[in-house]
Amino acid sequence: MKLNVVGGVILVLAFAALIVLYSSVFEVYQTEQALVVRLGRVVRVIDEPGLNVKLPFIDNVIAIDKRILDLEAPAQEVIASDQKRLVVDAFARYRIRDPLRFFQSLGSKTAADSQLAILLNSALRRVLGEATFIQVVRDERAELMARIRDLINNEAQSYGIQVVDARIRRADLPEQNSQAVYQRMQTARQREAAEYRAQGQQQAQEIRSKADREVTVLVADATAKAQQVRGAGDAIRNKIFADAFTKDPDFFAFYRSMQAYEAGLKASDTRLLLKPDSNFFRYFGNPSGKLPSATTAPPAPSAPGAATTSAAPTGAAPPATR
């Protein structure tokens, strides 16, 4: 009986020792830094990862992230130095450098985000209120963001926070102003486009008129030269014809008749209504092209029983008529 009681006591003591040991050991991760708080007072700051010990049931361990944290601020309206209203959307990145001061001043990340958002809005209004719209949007945006970061960093050091970066995500006119500006820009671009089109049409008309004038001049020159060449060719042809006619009128008449036959008697549907003894077919009846004389009388028939004269030999010339 006594052995059972002693064994139970030992088991209870061992279990209590395990609980005390477990409560006195804690681990700090690489992404964290820790504060050991004893009865509401910070007694130790641990910024290195590893296994550490504390007083069980008395000390509390508060882990604080030492990575770069995000701060998203809501969009707000800022009036620039040229009295133009801007809708600015900004954000910041920060890390906790001094966990003890951070714990004593803010205590949590939620409180830190709230306080840094106030500092960010104040810095935005202060810096952008001294700049013009063009400087914020285009010319000096990087310099302005650097000034905003420095202002927030200087004020956040009292909370144990280091502001790594501050950026303006968007800086634009309000919606109604943006629409008005867009319409003015659209009207200006349309006017410029119309001017460019008018200038292009004017230049195109000038180029087209110049090209038409040059084409007309070229065609006229070419036509004049062609007429001159054609006239010279016709003169040479007429001279050749005249020389040929004076040298051999009969051959010239025969050649011209052959050309007329070639032009008039084609293989297509050619119909001519002419007398066989017409002047057009004179070379068909006589190679020399001479028509039979109309005054030549046919030979009188011989009387029966009369003596007949011998026929003229073939190829002899017919008797001459007067």
Protein backbone atom coordinates (compact mmCIF):
# COMPACT_ATOMS: atom_id res chain seq x y z
CA MET A 1 0.00 0.00 0.00
CA LYS A 2 2.78 2.41 0.93
CA LEU A 3 4.60 1.52 -2.32
CA ASN A 4 1.59 2.50 -4.40
CA VAL A 5 1.31 5.86 -2.66
CA VAL A 6 5.01 6.59 -3.09
CA GLY A 7 4.83 5.63 -6.77
CA GLY A 8 1.86 7.94 -7.31
CA VAL A 9 3.65 10.83 -5.61
CA ILE A 10 6.75 10.32 -7.74
CA LEU A 11 4.65 10.24 -10.90
CA VAL A 12 2.88 13.47 -9.93
CA LEU A 13 6.21 15.16 -9.14
CA ALA A 14 7.69 14.03 -12.45
CA PHE A 15 4.68 15.35 -14.35
CA ALA A 16 4.91 18.67 -12.48
CA ALA A 17 8.64 18.86 -13.28
CA LEU A 18 7.87 18.34 -16.96
CA ILE A 19 5.30 21.11 -16.86
CA VAL A 20 7.72 23.47 -15.13
CA LEU A 21 10.47 22.60 -17.60
CA TYR A 22 8.16 23.11 -20.57
CA SER A 23 7.00 26.47 -19.18
CA SER A 24 10.56 27.68 -18.64
CA VAL A 25 11.80 27.00 -22.22
CA PHE A 26 10.76 28.91 -25.34
CA GLU A 27 12.06 29.24 -28.91
CA VAL A 28 12.65 32.40 -30.93
CA TYR A 29 12.35 31.96 -34.71
CA GLN A 30 14.54 33.63 -37.29
CA THR A 31 11.75 35.96 -38.38
CA GLU A 32 11.00 37.11 -34.84
CA GLN A 33 12.42 38.99 -31.91
CA ALA A 34 11.10 38.49 -28.38
CA LEU A 35 10.49 40.42 -25.19
CA VAL A 36 10.51 38.69 -21.79
CA VAL A 37 7.97 40.46 -19.59
CA ARG A 38 7.92 39.80 -15.85
CA LEU A 39 4.95 41.14 -13.97
CA GLY A 40 4.34 43.84 -16.60
CA ARG A 41 7.97 44.91 -16.85
CA VAL A 42 10.32 43.98 -19.70
CA VAL A 43 13.34 42.26 -18.27
CA ARG A 44 15.03 41.00 -21.43
CA VAL A 45 15.10 41.64 -25.17
CA ILE A 46 16.01 38.73 -27.44
CA ASP A 47 16.82 39.51 -31.08
CA GLU A 48 18.70 36.31 -31.98
CA PRO A 49 16.97 33.06 -32.95
CA GLY A 50 17.37 30.01 -30.76
CA LEU A 51 16.23 28.28 -27.57
CA ASN A 52 15.87 30.43 -24.41
CA VAL A 53 14.67 30.04 -20.81
CA LYS A 54 12.41 32.07 -18.57
CA LEU A 55 10.83 31.85 -15.17
CA PRO A 56 7.88 29.54 -15.43
CA PHE A 57 4.43 30.95 -14.69
CA ILE A 58 5.92 34.38 -14.01
CA ASP A 59 7.59 35.54 -17.22
CA ASN A 60 5.64 36.08 -20.42
CA VAL A 61 7.20 36.08 -23.91
CA ILE A 62 5.94 38.54 -26.54
CA ALA A 63 7.06 37.78 -30.11
CA ILE A 64 7.52 40.71 -32.44
CA ASP A 65 7.99 40.28 -36.19
CA LYS A 66 11.29 41.66 -37.46
CA ARG A 67 10.51 41.28 -41.18
CA ILE A 68 9.53 44.17 -43.46
CA LEU A 69 5.85 44.91 -42.88
CA ASP A 70 3.25 46.49 -45.16
CA LEU A 71 1.23 49.60 -44.54
CA GLU A 72 -1.67 50.27 -46.90
CA ALA A 73 -3.16 53.74 -46.57
CA PRO A 74 -6.60 54.58 -48.01
CA ALA A 75 -6.79 56.97 -50.96
CA GLN A 76 -7.17 60.61 -50.00
CA GLU A 77 -7.52 63.97 -51.71
CA VAL A 78 -4.58 66.36 -51.60
CA ILE A 79 -4.49 69.94 -52.88
CA ALA A 80 -1.29 70.72 -54.77
CA SER A 81 0.46 74.08 -54.75
CA ASP A 82 -1.25 75.05 -58.03
CA GLN A 83 -4.65 74.48 -56.36
CA LYS A 84 -5.37 71.27 -58.23
CA ARG A 85 -7.03 68.48 -56.32
CA LEU A 86 -5.33 65.10 -56.47
CA VAL A 87 -6.50 61.66 -55.40
CA VAL A 88 -3.38 60.02 -53.95
CA ASP A 89 -3.06 56.33 -53.17
CA ALA A 90 0.15 55.54 -51.27
CA PHE A 91 1.72 52.75 -49.24
CA ALA A 92 4.76 52.26 -46.99
CA ARG A 93 7.10 49.49 -45.90
CA TYR A 94 8.61 49.41 -42.40
CA ARG A 95 10.38 47.18 -39.91
CA ILE A 96 10.61 47.21 -36.09
CA ARG A 97 14.14 48.14 -35.11
CA ASP A 98 13.72 48.65 -31.37
CA PRO A 99 11.21 46.10 -29.98
CA LEU A 100 11.37 47.53 -26.45
CA ARG A 101 10.48 51.06 -27.54
CA PHE A 102 7.86 49.68 -29.94
CA PHE A 103 6.26 47.68 -27.11
CA GLN A 104 6.34 50.59 -24.68
CA SER A 105 4.92 53.15 -27.16
CA LEU A 106 2.54 51.19 -29.39
CA GLY A 107 2.33 47.65 -28.12
CA SER A 108 0.95 45.92 -31.24
CA LYS A 109 1.09 45.93 -35.03
CA THR A 110 -2.49 47.19 -35.27
CA ALA A 111 -1.63 50.28 -33.25
CA ALA A 112 1.55 50.72 -35.29
CA ASP A 113 -0.38 50.61 -38.58
CA SER A 114 -2.87 53.15 -37.30
CA GLN A 115 -0.17 55.55 -36.12
CA LEU A 116 1.92 55.16 -39.28
CA ALA A 117 -1.15 55.78 -41.46
CA ILE A 118 -1.63 59.10 -39.69
CA LEU A 119 2.05 59.96 -40.23
CA LEU A 120 1.83 58.95 -43.90
CA ASN A 121 -1.23 61.08 -44.56
CA SER A 122 0.38 64.04 -42.83
CA ALA A 123 3.59 63.65 -44.84
CA LEU A 124 1.64 63.35 -48.10
CA ARG A 125 -0.27 66.55 -47.45
CA ARG A 126 2.86 68.41 -46.36
CA VAL A 127 5.09 67.37 -49.26
CA LEU A 128 2.55 67.29 -52.08
CA GLY A 129 1.03 70.58 -50.92
CA GLU A 130 4.34 72.24 -51.77
CA ALA A 131 4.55 70.72 -55.27
CA THR A 132 2.62 71.32 -58.48
CA PHE A 133 0.48 68.82 -60.30
CA ILE A 134 3.09 68.28 -63.03
CA GLN A 135 5.83 67.71 -60.44
CA VAL A 136 3.73 65.07 -58.66
CA VAL A 137 2.63 63.26 -61.78
CA ARG A 138 5.74 63.45 -63.96
CA ASP A 139 8.74 65.60 -63.14
CA GLU A 140 9.73 65.08 -59.47
CA ARG A 141 7.77 62.06 -58.35
CA ALA A 142 10.80 60.06 -57.16
CA GLU A 143 12.17 63.01 -55.18
CA LEU A 144 8.80 63.65 -53.56
CA MET A 145 8.46 60.01 -52.49
CA ALA A 146 11.96 60.13 -50.97
CA ARG A 147 11.00 63.23 -48.97
CA ILE A 148 7.81 61.56 -47.75
CA ARG A 149 9.79 58.49 -46.64
CA ASP A 150 12.31 60.62 -44.74
CA LEU A 151 9.58 62.57 -42.95
CA ILE A 152 7.79 59.42 -41.83
CA ASN A 153 11.04 57.74 -40.83
CA ASN A 154 12.11 60.67 -38.66
CA GLU A 155 8.82 60.69 -36.79
CA ALA A 156 8.55 56.87 -36.57
CA GLN A 157 11.94 56.44 -34.88
CA SER A 158 10.40 57.49 -31.59
CA TYR A 159 8.26 54.36 -31.82
CA GLY A 160 11.21 52.08 -32.54
CA ILE A 161 10.19 51.75 -36.22
CA GLN A 162 12.29 52.26 -39.34
CA VAL A 163 10.40 53.20 -42.51
CA VAL A 164 12.13 51.42 -45.38
CA ASP A 165 10.13 52.83 -48.28
CA ALA A 166 7.13 54.99 -49.12
CA ARG A 167 5.55 55.00 -52.56
CA ILE A 168 2.78 56.81 -54.37
CA ARG A 169 0.84 54.12 -56.19
CA ARG A 170 -1.49 56.51 -57.99
CA ALA A 171 -1.82 60.28 -58.16
CA ASP A 172 -4.62 61.44 -60.38
CA LEU A 173 -7.34 64.03 -60.66
CA PRO A 174 -10.77 63.30 -59.18
CA GLU A 175 -13.18 61.42 -61.42
CA GLN A 176 -15.17 64.47 -62.52
CA ASN A 177 -12.02 66.44 -63.24
CA SER A 178 -10.49 63.48 -65.05
CA GLN A 179 -13.50 63.27 -67.36
CA ALA A 180 -13.34 66.98 -68.13
CA VAL A 181 -9.60 66.82 -68.78
CA TYR A 182 -10.08 63.74 -70.92
CA GLN A 183 -12.74 65.46 -73.01
CA ARG A 184 -10.53 68.52 -73.48
CA MET A 185 -7.63 66.31 -74.50
CA GLN A 186 -9.89 64.37 -76.86
CA THR A 187 -11.16 67.59 -78.45
CA ALA A 188 -7.62 68.91 -78.84
CA ARG A 189 -6.44 65.65 -80.42
CA GLN A 190 -9.43 65.61 -82.76
CA ARG A 191 -8.67 69.19 -83.81
CA GLU A 192 -5.02 68.31 -84.43
CA ALA A 193 -6.09 65.24 -86.38
CA ALA A 194 -8.44 67.34 -88.52
CA GLU A 195 -5.63 69.83 -89.20
CA TYR A 196 -3.26 67.03 -90.15
CA ARG A 197 -5.89 65.51 -92.46
CA ALA A 198 -6.54 68.90 -94.09
CA GLN A 199 -2.83 69.47 -94.59
CA GLY A 200 -2.46 65.96 -95.98
CA GLN A 201 -5.37 66.46 -98.38
CA GLN A 202 -3.90 69.79 -99.50
CA GLN A 203 -0.51 68.24 -100.10
CA ALA A 204 -2.12 65.28 -101.86
CA GLN A 205 -4.08 67.66 -104.11
CA GLU A 206 -0.94 69.62 -104.89
CA ILE A 207 0.99 66.45 -105.69
CA ARG A 208 -1.91 65.11 -107.77
CA SER A 209 -2.21 68.41 -109.70
CA LYS A 210 1.52 68.50 -110.29
CA ALA A 211 1.50 64.89 -111.48
CA ASP A 212 -1.48 65.54 -113.79
CA ARG A 213 0.27 68.60 -115.23
CA GLU A 214 3.46 66.65 -115.81
CA VAL A 215 1.48 63.79 -117.39
CA THR A 216 -0.31 66.25 -119.69
CA VAL A 217 2.99 67.84 -120.71
CA LEU A 218 4.62 64.45 -121.26
CA VAL A 219 1.66 63.19 -123.31
CA ALA A 220 1.59 66.38 -125.36
CA ASP A 221 5.34 66.17 -126.01
CA ALA A 222 5.07 62.51 -126.89
CA THR A 223 2.09 63.18 -129.19
CA ALA A 224 3.96 66.00 -130.92
CA LYS A 225 7.02 63.84 -131.41
CA ALA A 226 4.83 60.97 -132.63
CA GLN A 227 3.11 63.30 -135.12
CA GLN A 228 6.46 64.57 -136.30
CA VAL A 229 7.80 61.03 -136.72
CA ARG A 230 4.58 59.90 -138.40
CA GLY A 231 4.64 62.92 -140.72
CA ALA A 232 8.26 62.26 -141.60
CA GLY A 233 7.42 58.60 -142.25
CA ASP A 234 4.42 59.55 -144.40
CA ALA A 235 6.57 61.97 -146.37
CA ILE A 236 9.17 59.28 -146.97
CA ARG A 237 6.45 56.80 -147.93
CA ASN A 238 4.85 59.25 -150.35
CA LYS A 239 8.24 60.02 -151.84
CA ILE A 240 8.89 56.30 -152.30
CA PHE A 241 5.47 55.86 -153.90
CA ALA A 242 6.04 58.88 -156.14
CA ASP A 243 9.46 57.59 -157.20
CA ALA A 244 8.01 54.15 -157.87
CA PHE A 245 5.15 55.63 -159.90
CA THR A 246 7.48 57.72 -162.01
CA LYS A 247 9.83 54.78 -162.62
CA ASP A 248 7.17 52.16 -163.51
CA PRO A 249 3.55 53.33 -163.50
CA ASP A 250 2.24 49.93 -164.60
CA PHE A 251 3.94 48.05 -161.74
CA PHE A 252 2.81 50.71 -159.29
CA ALA A 253 -0.80 50.33 -160.46
CA PHE A 254 -0.47 46.54 -160.21
CA TYR A 255 0.97 46.74 -156.69
CA ARG A 256 -1.79 49.06 -155.50
CA SER A 257 -4.41 46.76 -157.04
CA MET A 258 -2.90 43.78 -155.22
CA GLN A 259 -3.14 45.72 -151.97
CA ALA A 260 -6.77 46.53 -152.72
CA TYR A 261 -7.49 42.84 -153.43
CA GLU A 262 -5.84 41.86 -150.12
CA ALA A 263 -7.83 44.42 -148.19
CA GLY A 264 -11.15 43.79 -149.96
CA LEU A 265 -11.18 40.05 -150.49
CA LYS A 266 -10.59 38.72 -146.97
CA ALA A 267 -11.38 35.23 -145.71
CA SER A 268 -14.23 36.53 -143.56
CA ASP A 269 -17.69 37.23 -144.90
CA THR A 270 -16.76 39.49 -147.84
CA ARG A 271 -19.44 40.28 -150.37
CA LEU A 272 -18.95 42.47 -153.44
CA LEU A 273 -21.58 43.31 -156.02
CA LEU A 274 -19.57 44.27 -159.10
CA LYS A 275 -19.65 43.57 -162.79
CA PRO A 276 -17.11 41.01 -163.89
CA ASP A 277 -15.65 43.48 -166.44
CA SER A 278 -15.39 46.28 -163.89
CA ASN A 279 -12.23 48.26 -163.41
CA PHE A 280 -11.65 46.62 -159.99
CA PHE A 281 -11.19 43.15 -161.56
CA ARG A 282 -9.24 44.27 -164.58
CA TYR A 283 -6.19 42.17 -163.59
CA PHE A 284 -8.32 39.05 -163.45
CA GLY A 285 -9.14 39.32 -167.15
CA ASN A 286 -5.89 40.72 -168.39
CA PRO A 287 -2.52 40.42 -166.68
CA SER A 288 -1.57 43.78 -168.03
CA GLY A 289 -4.60 45.35 -166.45
CA LYS A 290 -6.01 46.77 -169.65
CA LEU A 291 -9.74 46.62 -170.22
CA PRO A 292 -11.05 45.45 -173.65
CA SER A 293 -11.92 48.33 -175.92
CA ALA A 294 -15.66 48.98 -176.33
CA THR A 295 -15.22 50.08 -180.02
CA THR A 296 -13.90 46.73 -181.18
CA ALA A 297 -16.69 44.98 -183.14
CA PRO A 298 -17.03 41.24 -183.05
CA PRO A 299 -16.26 39.44 -186.40
CA ALA A 300 -19.20 39.16 -188.79
CA PRO A 301 -20.51 35.70 -189.42
CA SER A 302 -19.45 34.31 -192.80
CA ALA A 303 -21.98 33.58 -195.50
CA PRO A 304 -22.65 30.01 -196.40
CA GLY A 305 -20.32 28.81 -199.04
CA ALA A 306 -18.05 31.78 -198.73
CA ALA A 307 -14.41 31.31 -198.44
CA THR A 308 -13.12 31.39 -194.94
CA THR A 309 -9.89 33.01 -193.99
CA SER A 310 -7.38 31.15 -191.99
CA ALA A 311 -7.37 31.84 -188.29
CA ALA A 312 -4.64 33.93 -186.85
CA PRO A 313 -1.93 31.96 -185.19
CA THR A 314 -2.17 31.55 -181.47
CA GLY A 315 -0.41 34.25 -179.60
CA ALA A 316 -0.57 36.75 -182.48
CA ALA A 317 -1.59 40.25 -181.63
CA PRO A 318 -5.11 41.32 -182.54
CA PRO A 319 -5.45 43.77 -185.35
CA ALA A 320 -5.13 47.31 -184.33
CA THR A 321 -8.23 49.42 -184.28
CA ARG A 322 -8.44 53.00 -185.14
